Amino acid sequence: MNSEFVYAIGAFLEATFQILPILGNLPNILFTLTIGGGFVYWMMELKKYKEEARHSGGIE
């Protein structure tokens, strides 16, 4: 890989990190809500699959 390309990627990432202080705590809140929502959704799906397995005699 060309070193200029690697340095360009580094400069781009460095520039994107400069907007994080402006956003404040918003990224943390969004990540937490997304992960929490996914966890609740998956637990509801697991409950549904477990109940279905219990009724059909499958593996729980």
PDB file of N, CA and C in Angstrom:
ATOM      1  N   MET A   1       0.830  -1.180   0.000  1.00  0.00           N
ATOM      2  CA  MET A   1       0.000   0.000   0.000  1.00  0.00           C
ATOM      3  C   MET A   1       0.876   1.246   0.000  1.00  0.00           C
ATOM      4  N   ASN A   2       0.424   2.238  -0.668  1.00  0.00           N
ATOM      5  CA  ASN A   2       1.137   3.496  -0.745  1.00  0.00           C
ATOM      6  C   ASN A   2       1.009   4.238   0.584  1.00  0.00           C
ATOM      7  N   SER A   3       2.118   4.763   1.096  1.00  0.00           N
ATOM      8  CA  SER A   3       2.084   5.440   2.391  1.00  0.00           C
ATOM      9  C   SER A   3       1.244   6.715   2.340  1.00  0.00           C
ATOM     10  N   GLU A   4       1.177   7.364   1.190  1.00  0.00           N
ATOM     11  CA  GLU A   4       0.348   8.568   1.067  1.00  0.00           C
ATOM     12  C   GLU A   4      -1.125   8.227   1.280  1.00  0.00           C
ATOM     13  N   PHE A   5      -1.536   7.086   0.793  1.00  0.00           N
ATOM     14  CA  PHE A   5      -2.919   6.644   0.966  1.00  0.00           C
ATOM     15  C   PHE A   5      -3.227   6.412   2.442  1.00  0.00           C
ATOM     16  N   VAL A   6      -2.306   5.779   3.134  1.00  0.00           N
ATOM     17  CA  VAL A   6      -2.494   5.510   4.559  1.00  0.00           C
ATOM     18  C   VAL A   6      -2.562   6.812   5.338  1.00  0.00           C
ATOM     19  N   TYR A   7      -1.691   7.761   5.026  1.00  0.00           N
ATOM     20  CA  TYR A   7      -1.717   9.056   5.698  1.00  0.00           C
ATOM     21  C   TYR A   7      -3.003   9.819   5.385  1.00  0.00           C
ATOM     22  N   ALA A   8      -3.520   9.674   4.179  1.00  0.00           N
ATOM     23  CA  ALA A   8      -4.772  10.339   3.814  1.00  0.00           C
ATOM     24  C   ALA A   8      -5.938   9.775   4.633  1.00  0.00           C
ATOM     25  N   ILE A   9      -5.958   8.464   4.806  1.00  0.00           N
ATOM     26  CA  ILE A   9      -6.999   7.845   5.633  1.00  0.00           C
ATOM     27  C   ILE A   9      -6.880   8.343   7.071  1.00  0.00           C
ATOM     28  N   GLY A  10      -5.657   8.423   7.573  1.00  0.00           N
ATOM     29  CA  GLY A  10      -5.427   8.912   8.929  1.00  0.00           C
ATOM     30  C   GLY A  10      -5.892  10.344   9.094  1.00  0.00           C
ATOM     31  N   ALA A  11      -5.615  11.194   8.129  1.00  0.00           N
ATOM     32  CA  ALA A  11      -6.043  12.596   8.193  1.00  0.00           C
ATOM     33  C   ALA A  11      -7.566  12.694   8.157  1.00  0.00           C
ATOM     34  N   PHE A  12      -8.191  11.866   7.340  1.00  0.00           N
ATOM     35  CA  PHE A  12      -9.657  11.869   7.273  1.00  0.00           C
ATOM     36  C   PHE A  12     -10.275  11.452   8.601  1.00  0.00           C
ATOM     37  N   LEU A  13      -9.763  10.370   9.189  1.00  0.00           N
ATOM     38  CA  LEU A  13     -10.297   9.908  10.470  1.00  0.00           C
ATOM     39  C   LEU A  13     -10.061  10.934  11.566  1.00  0.00           C
ATOM     40  N   GLU A  14      -8.913  11.585  11.534  1.00  0.00           N
ATOM     41  CA  GLU A  14      -8.621  12.618  12.518  1.00  0.00           C
ATOM     42  C   GLU A  14      -9.611  13.773  12.392  1.00  0.00           C
ATOM     43  N   ALA A  15      -9.975  14.130  11.184  1.00  0.00           N
ATOM     44  CA  ALA A  15     -10.937  15.209  10.962  1.00  0.00           C
ATOM     45  C   ALA A  15     -12.335  14.804  11.442  1.00  0.00           C
ATOM     46  N   THR A  16     -12.696  13.540  11.263  1.00  0.00           N
ATOM     47  CA  THR A  16     -14.027  13.120  11.706  1.00  0.00           C
ATOM     48  C   THR A  16     -14.120  13.087  13.227  1.00  0.00           C
ATOM     49  N   PHE A  17     -13.018  12.796  13.906  1.00  0.00           N
ATOM     50  CA  PHE A  17     -13.040  12.782  15.360  1.00  0.00           C
ATOM     51  C   PHE A  17     -13.169  14.183  15.953  1.00  0.00           C
ATOM     52  N   GLN A  18     -12.891  15.208  15.173  1.00  0.00           N
ATOM     53  CA  GLN A  18     -13.007  16.574  15.674  1.00  0.00           C
ATOM     54  C   GLN A  18     -14.461  16.997  15.863  1.00  0.00           C
ATOM     55  N   ILE A  19     -15.417  16.303  15.238  1.00  0.00           N
ATOM     56  CA  ILE A  19     -16.823  16.672  15.422  1.00  0.00           C
ATOM     57  C   ILE A  19     -17.411  16.037  16.679  1.00  0.00           C
ATOM     58  N   LEU A  20     -16.729  15.064  17.270  1.00  0.00           N
ATOM     59  CA  LEU A  20     -17.275  14.400  18.449  1.00  0.00           C
ATOM     60  C   LEU A  20     -17.492  15.345  19.638  1.00  0.00           C
ATOM     61  N   PRO A  21     -16.571  16.261  19.948  1.00  0.00           N
ATOM     62  CA  PRO A  21     -16.853  17.169  21.065  1.00  0.00           C
ATOM     63  C   PRO A  21     -18.083  18.051  20.827  1.00  0.00           C
ATOM     64  N   ILE A  22     -18.359  18.369  19.586  1.00  0.00           N
ATOM     65  CA  ILE A  22     -19.528  19.186  19.255  1.00  0.00           C
ATOM     66  C   ILE A  22     -20.814  18.411  19.551  1.00  0.00           C
ATOM     67  N   LEU A  23     -20.799  17.120  19.277  1.00  0.00           N
ATOM     68  CA  LEU A  23     -21.985  16.291  19.497  1.00  0.00           C
ATOM     69  C   LEU A  23     -22.239  16.029  20.975  1.00  0.00           C
ATOM     70  N   GLY A  24     -21.220  16.137  21.790  1.00  0.00           N
ATOM     71  CA  GLY A  24     -21.382  15.938  23.223  1.00  0.00           C
ATOM     72  C   GLY A  24     -21.683  14.483  23.560  1.00  0.00           C
ATOM     73  N   ASN A  25     -22.735  14.275  24.329  1.00  0.00           N
ATOM     74  CA  ASN A  25     -23.084  12.938  24.810  1.00  0.00           C
ATOM     75  C   ASN A  25     -24.060  12.213  23.876  1.00  0.00           C
ATOM     76  N   LEU A  26     -24.463  12.843  22.790  1.00  0.00           N
ATOM     77  CA  LEU A  26     -25.450  12.267  21.873  1.00  0.00           C
ATOM     78  C   LEU A  26     -25.032  10.917  21.292  1.00  0.00           C
ATOM     79  N   PRO A  27     -23.784  10.728  20.833  1.00  0.00           N
ATOM     80  CA  PRO A  27     -23.418   9.395  20.317  1.00  0.00           C
ATOM     81  C   PRO A  27     -23.557   8.306  21.367  1.00  0.00           C
ATOM     82  N   ASN A  28     -23.191   8.600  22.608  1.00  0.00           N
ATOM     83  CA  ASN A  28     -23.318   7.605  23.676  1.00  0.00           C
ATOM     84  C   ASN A  28     -24.778   7.232  23.896  1.00  0.00           C
ATOM     85  N   ILE A  29     -25.653   8.212  23.887  1.00  0.00           N
ATOM     86  CA  ILE A  29     -27.080   7.955  24.086  1.00  0.00           C
ATOM     87  C   ILE A  29     -27.635   7.124  22.936  1.00  0.00           C
ATOM     88  N   LEU A  30     -27.265   7.476  21.694  1.00  0.00           N
ATOM     89  CA  LEU A  30     -27.765   6.730  20.533  1.00  0.00           C
ATOM     90  C   LEU A  30     -27.280   5.288  20.534  1.00  0.00           C
ATOM     91  N   PHE A  31     -25.995   5.069  20.847  1.00  0.00           N
ATOM     92  CA  PHE A  31     -25.469   3.702  20.899  1.00  0.00           C
ATOM     93  C   PHE A  31     -26.158   2.898  21.995  1.00  0.00           C
ATOM     94  N   THR A  32     -26.358   3.523  23.149  1.00  0.00           N
ATOM     95  CA  THR A  32     -27.003   2.829  24.266  1.00  0.00           C
ATOM     96  C   THR A  32     -28.437   2.452  23.920  1.00  0.00           C
ATOM     97  N   LEU A  33     -29.181   3.363  23.321  1.00  0.00           N
ATOM     98  CA  LEU A  33     -30.569   3.072  22.946  1.00  0.00           C
ATOM     99  C   LEU A  33     -30.637   1.995  21.864  1.00  0.00           C
ATOM    100  N   THR A  34     -29.731   2.042  20.902  1.00  0.00           N
ATOM    101  CA  THR A  34     -29.718   1.045  19.833  1.00  0.00           C
ATOM    102  C   THR A  34     -29.404  -0.345  20.383  1.00  0.00           C
ATOM    103  N   ILE A  35     -28.373  -0.443  21.201  1.00  0.00           N
ATOM    104  CA  ILE A  35     -27.999  -1.737  21.770  1.00  0.00           C
ATOM    105  C   ILE A  35     -29.079  -2.237  22.720  1.00  0.00           C
ATOM    106  N   GLY A  36     -29.629  -1.341  23.538  1.00  0.00           N
ATOM    107  CA  GLY A  36     -30.703  -1.738  24.462  1.00  0.00           C
ATOM    108  C   GLY A  36     -31.944  -2.208  23.722  1.00  0.00           C
ATOM    109  N   GLY A  37     -32.313  -1.501  22.655  1.00  0.00           N
ATOM    110  CA  GLY A  37     -33.467  -1.902  21.856  1.00  0.00           C
ATOM    111  C   GLY A  37     -33.255  -3.247  21.187  1.00  0.00           C
ATOM    112  N   GLY A  38     -32.052  -3.465  20.671  1.00  0.00           N
ATOM    113  CA  GLY A  38     -31.735  -4.749  20.056  1.00  0.00           C
ATOM    114  C   GLY A  38     -31.774  -5.880  21.069  1.00  0.00           C
ATOM    115  N   PHE A  39     -31.296  -5.609  22.288  1.00  0.00           N
ATOM    116  CA  PHE A  39     -31.319  -6.622  23.339  1.00  0.00           C
ATOM    117  C   PHE A  39     -32.747  -6.996  23.712  1.00  0.00           C
ATOM    118  N   VAL A  40     -33.606  -6.002  23.883  1.00  0.00           N
ATOM    119  CA  VAL A  40     -35.007  -6.275  24.234  1.00  0.00           C
ATOM    120  C   VAL A  40     -35.689  -7.043  23.106  1.00  0.00           C
ATOM    121  N   TYR A  41     -35.460  -6.631  21.874  1.00  0.00           N
ATOM    122  CA  TYR A  41     -36.051  -7.330  20.727  1.00  0.00           C
ATOM    123  C   TYR A  41     -35.604  -8.793  20.694  1.00  0.00           C
ATOM    124  N   TRP A  42     -34.299  -9.035  20.883  1.00  0.00           N
ATOM    125  CA  TRP A  42     -33.791 -10.394  20.802  1.00  0.00           C
ATOM    126  C   TRP A  42     -34.322 -11.253  21.943  1.00  0.00           C
ATOM    127  N   MET A  43     -34.467 -10.686  23.129  1.00  0.00           N
ATOM    128  CA  MET A  43     -35.014 -11.446  24.259  1.00  0.00           C
ATOM    129  C   MET A  43     -36.473 -11.825  23.995  1.00  0.00           C
ATOM    130  N   MET A  44     -37.238 -10.941  23.368  1.00  0.00           N
ATOM    131  CA  MET A  44     -38.630 -11.263  23.026  1.00  0.00           C
ATOM    132  C   MET A  44     -38.671 -12.368  21.978  1.00  0.00           C
ATOM    133  N   GLU A  45     -37.753 -12.325  21.008  1.00  0.00           N
ATOM    134  CA  GLU A  45     -37.681 -13.382  19.994  1.00  0.00           C
ATOM    135  C   GLU A  45     -37.306 -14.718  20.635  1.00  0.00           C
ATOM    136  N   LEU A  46     -36.332 -14.712  21.544  1.00  0.00           N
ATOM    137  CA  LEU A  46     -35.936 -15.947  22.211  1.00  0.00           C
ATOM    138  C   LEU A  46     -37.089 -16.535  23.012  1.00  0.00           C
ATOM    139  N   LYS A  47     -37.851 -15.673  23.654  1.00  0.00           N
ATOM    140  CA  LYS A  47     -39.008 -16.146  24.419  1.00  0.00           C
ATOM    141  C   LYS A  47     -40.017 -16.814  23.489  1.00  0.00           C
ATOM    142  N   LYS A  48     -40.237 -16.194  22.319  1.00  0.00           N
ATOM    143  CA  LYS A  48     -41.171 -16.752  21.341  1.00  0.00           C
ATOM    144  C   LYS A  48     -40.692 -18.121  20.841  1.00  0.00           C
ATOM    145  N   TYR A  49     -39.397 -18.223  20.513  1.00  0.00           N
ATOM    146  CA  TYR A  49     -38.853 -19.487  20.019  1.00  0.00           C
ATOM    147  C   TYR A  49     -38.874 -20.570  21.084  1.00  0.00           C
ATOM    148  N   LYS A  50     -38.610 -20.189  22.322  1.00  0.00           N
ATOM    149  CA  LYS A  50     -38.615 -21.160  23.404  1.00  0.00           C
ATOM    150  C   LYS A  50     -40.030 -21.691  23.647  1.00  0.00           C
ATOM    151  N   GLU A  51     -41.008 -20.807  23.591  1.00  0.00           N
ATOM    152  CA  GLU A  51     -42.406 -21.230  23.768  1.00  0.00           C
ATOM    153  C   GLU A  51     -42.834 -22.142  22.619  1.00  0.00           C
ATOM    154  N   GLU A  52     -42.418 -21.821  21.405  1.00  0.00           N
ATOM    155  CA  GLU A  52     -42.735 -22.649  20.243  1.00  0.00           C
ATOM    156  C   GLU A  52     -42.095 -24.034  20.379  1.00  0.00           C
ATOM    157  N   ALA A  53     -40.847 -24.085  20.867  1.00  0.00           N
ATOM    158  CA  ALA A  53     -40.162 -25.361  21.054  1.00  0.00           C
ATOM    159  C   ALA A  53     -40.846 -26.183  22.149  1.00  0.00           C
ATOM    160  N   ARG A  54     -41.319 -25.515  23.167  1.00  0.00           N
ATOM    161  CA  ARG A  54     -41.987 -26.197  24.267  1.00  0.00           C
ATOM    162  C   ARG A  54     -43.289 -26.863  23.764  1.00  0.00           C
ATOM    163  N   HIS A  55     -44.015 -26.168  22.885  1.00  0.00           N
ATOM    164  CA  HIS A  55     -45.278 -26.719  22.374  1.00  0.00           C
ATOM    165  C   HIS A  55     -45.063 -27.803  21.328  1.00  0.00           C
ATOM    166  N   SER A  56     -43.998 -27.674  20.527  1.00  0.00           N
ATOM    167  CA  SER A  56     -43.785 -28.657  19.468  1.00  0.00           C
ATOM    168  C   SER A  56     -42.882 -29.804  19.897  1.00  0.00           C
ATOM    169  N   GLY A  57     -42.323 -29.749  21.107  1.00  0.00           N
ATOM    170  CA  GLY A  57     -41.454 -30.821  21.574  1.00  0.00           C
ATOM    171  C   GLY A  57     -40.050 -30.724  21.047  1.00  0.00           C
ATOM    172  N   GLY A  58     -39.665 -29.556  20.585  1.00  0.00           N
ATOM    173  CA  GLY A  58     -38.301 -29.364  20.054  1.00  0.00           C
ATOM    174  C   GLY A  58     -37.306 -29.115  21.159  1.00  0.00           C
ATOM    175  N   ILE A  59     -36.101 -28.777  20.770  1.00  0.00           N
ATOM    176  CA  ILE A  59     -35.034 -28.509  21.730  1.00  0.00           C
ATOM    177  C   ILE A  59     -35.212 -27.098  22.258  1.00  0.00           C
ATOM    178  N   GLU A  60     -35.165 -26.963  23.580  1.00  0.00           N
ATOM    179  CA  GLU A  60     -35.290 -25.618  24.175  1.00  0.00           C
ATOM    180  C   GLU A  60     -33.986 -24.946  24.260  1.00  0.00           C
TER     181      GLU A  60
END
